[in-house]
């Protein structure tokens, strides 16, 4: 799970962003990656990117 706000604020190190981008390339298909709001106390705090886990036989 990656925080879009943290990405925008450069809060992830470069190695993490490389992994994030690689997962996007490997898994971006209709229905595969989900962006959703993270809500606390009825307020949207952030938007999250959920990336499905890949079975090891596909790596």
C-alpha atoms as a PDB file:
ATOM      1  CA  UNK A   1       0.000   0.000   0.000  1.00  0.00           C
ATOM      2  CA  UNK A   2       1.438   3.362  -1.002  1.00  0.00           C
ATOM      3  CA  UNK A   3       0.323   6.800   0.115  1.00  0.00           C
ATOM      4  CA  UNK A   4      -0.133   9.202  -2.790  1.00  0.00           C
ATOM      5  CA  UNK A   5       0.375  12.120  -0.386  1.00  0.00           C
ATOM      6  CA  UNK A   6       3.728  10.698   0.743  1.00  0.00           C
ATOM      7  CA  UNK A   7       4.767  10.291  -2.891  1.00  0.00           C
ATOM      8  CA  UNK A   8       3.792  13.894  -3.657  1.00  0.00           C
ATOM      9  CA  UNK A   9       5.708  15.094  -0.575  1.00  0.00           C
ATOM     10  CA  UNK A  10       8.816  13.033  -1.453  1.00  0.00           C
ATOM     11  CA  UNK A  11       8.554  11.018   1.774  1.00  0.00           C
ATOM     12  CA  UNK A  12       9.606   7.708   0.172  1.00  0.00           C
ATOM     13  CA  UNK A  13      13.246   6.910  -0.548  1.00  0.00           C
ATOM     14  CA  UNK A  14      14.353   6.236  -4.104  1.00  0.00           C
ATOM     15  CA  UNK A  15      14.542   2.447  -3.653  1.00  0.00           C
ATOM     16  CA  UNK A  16      10.908   2.344  -2.508  1.00  0.00           C
ATOM     17  CA  UNK A  17       9.815   4.456  -5.478  1.00  0.00           C
ATOM     18  CA  UNK A  18      11.662   2.119  -7.858  1.00  0.00           C
ATOM     19  CA  UNK A  19       9.730  -0.827  -6.388  1.00  0.00           C
ATOM     20  CA  UNK A  20       6.476   1.133  -6.592  1.00  0.00           C
ATOM     21  CA  UNK A  21       7.032   2.002 -10.252  1.00  0.00           C
ATOM     22  CA  UNK A  22       8.041  -1.559 -11.101  1.00  0.00           C
ATOM     23  CA  UNK A  23       4.875  -2.906  -9.468  1.00  0.00           C
ATOM     24  CA  UNK A  24       2.813  -0.412 -11.456  1.00  0.00           C
ATOM     25  CA  UNK A  25       4.428  -1.611 -14.693  1.00  0.00           C
ATOM     26  CA  UNK A  26       3.970  -5.290 -13.837  1.00  0.00           C
ATOM     27  CA  UNK A  27       0.445  -5.086 -12.494  1.00  0.00           C
ATOM     28  CA  UNK A  28      -1.366  -2.219 -14.163  1.00  0.00           C
ATOM     29  CA  UNK A  29      -4.427  -3.750 -15.709  1.00  0.00           C
ATOM     30  CA  UNK A  30      -8.140  -3.063 -15.401  1.00  0.00           C
ATOM     31  CA  UNK A  31      -9.193  -3.971 -11.888  1.00  0.00           C
ATOM     32  CA  UNK A  32      -5.637  -4.618 -10.721  1.00  0.00           C
ATOM     33  CA  UNK A  33      -4.579  -1.446  -8.930  1.00  0.00           C
ATOM     34  CA  UNK A  34      -7.062   0.297  -6.694  1.00  0.00           C
ATOM     35  CA  UNK A  35      -6.910   3.910  -5.562  1.00  0.00           C
ATOM     36  CA  UNK A  36      -9.080   4.625  -2.559  1.00  0.00           C
ATOM     37  CA  UNK A  37      -9.488   7.305   0.092  1.00  0.00           C
ATOM     38  CA  UNK A  38      -8.143   6.730   3.615  1.00  0.00           C
ATOM     39  CA  UNK A  39     -10.715   8.141   6.023  1.00  0.00           C
ATOM     40  CA  UNK A  40     -10.379   9.030   9.709  1.00  0.00           C
ATOM     41  CA  UNK A  41     -13.191  10.637  11.706  1.00  0.00           C
ATOM     42  CA  UNK A  42     -15.263  11.094   8.535  1.00  0.00           C
ATOM     43  CA  UNK A  43     -12.476  13.121   6.854  1.00  0.00           C
ATOM     44  CA  UNK A  44     -10.382  12.043   3.899  1.00  0.00           C
ATOM     45  CA  UNK A  45      -6.825  12.024   5.214  1.00  0.00           C
ATOM     46  CA  UNK A  46      -5.060  10.572   2.175  1.00  0.00           C
ATOM     47  CA  UNK A  47      -5.551   8.543  -0.979  1.00  0.00           C
ATOM     48  CA  UNK A  48      -3.996   5.083  -0.991  1.00  0.00           C
ATOM     49  CA  UNK A  49      -2.845   2.878  -3.839  1.00  0.00           C
ATOM     50  CA  UNK A  50      -3.462  -0.817  -3.253  1.00  0.00           C
ATOM     51  CA  UNK A  51      -1.399  -3.177  -5.397  1.00  0.00           C
ATOM     52  CA  UNK A  52      -2.311  -6.876  -5.454  1.00  0.00           C
ATOM     53  CA  UNK A  53       0.280  -9.388  -4.287  1.00  0.00           C
ATOM     54  CA  UNK A  54       1.804 -11.409  -7.100  1.00  0.00           C
ATOM     55  CA  UNK A  55       2.185 -15.168  -6.625  1.00  0.00           C
ATOM     56  CA  UNK A  56       5.890 -16.067  -6.585  1.00  0.00           C
ATOM     57  CA  UNK A  57       5.589 -18.305  -9.663  1.00  0.00           C
ATOM     58  CA  UNK A  58       4.927 -15.177 -11.737  1.00  0.00           C
ATOM     59  CA  UNK A  59       8.063 -13.351 -10.567  1.00  0.00           C
END
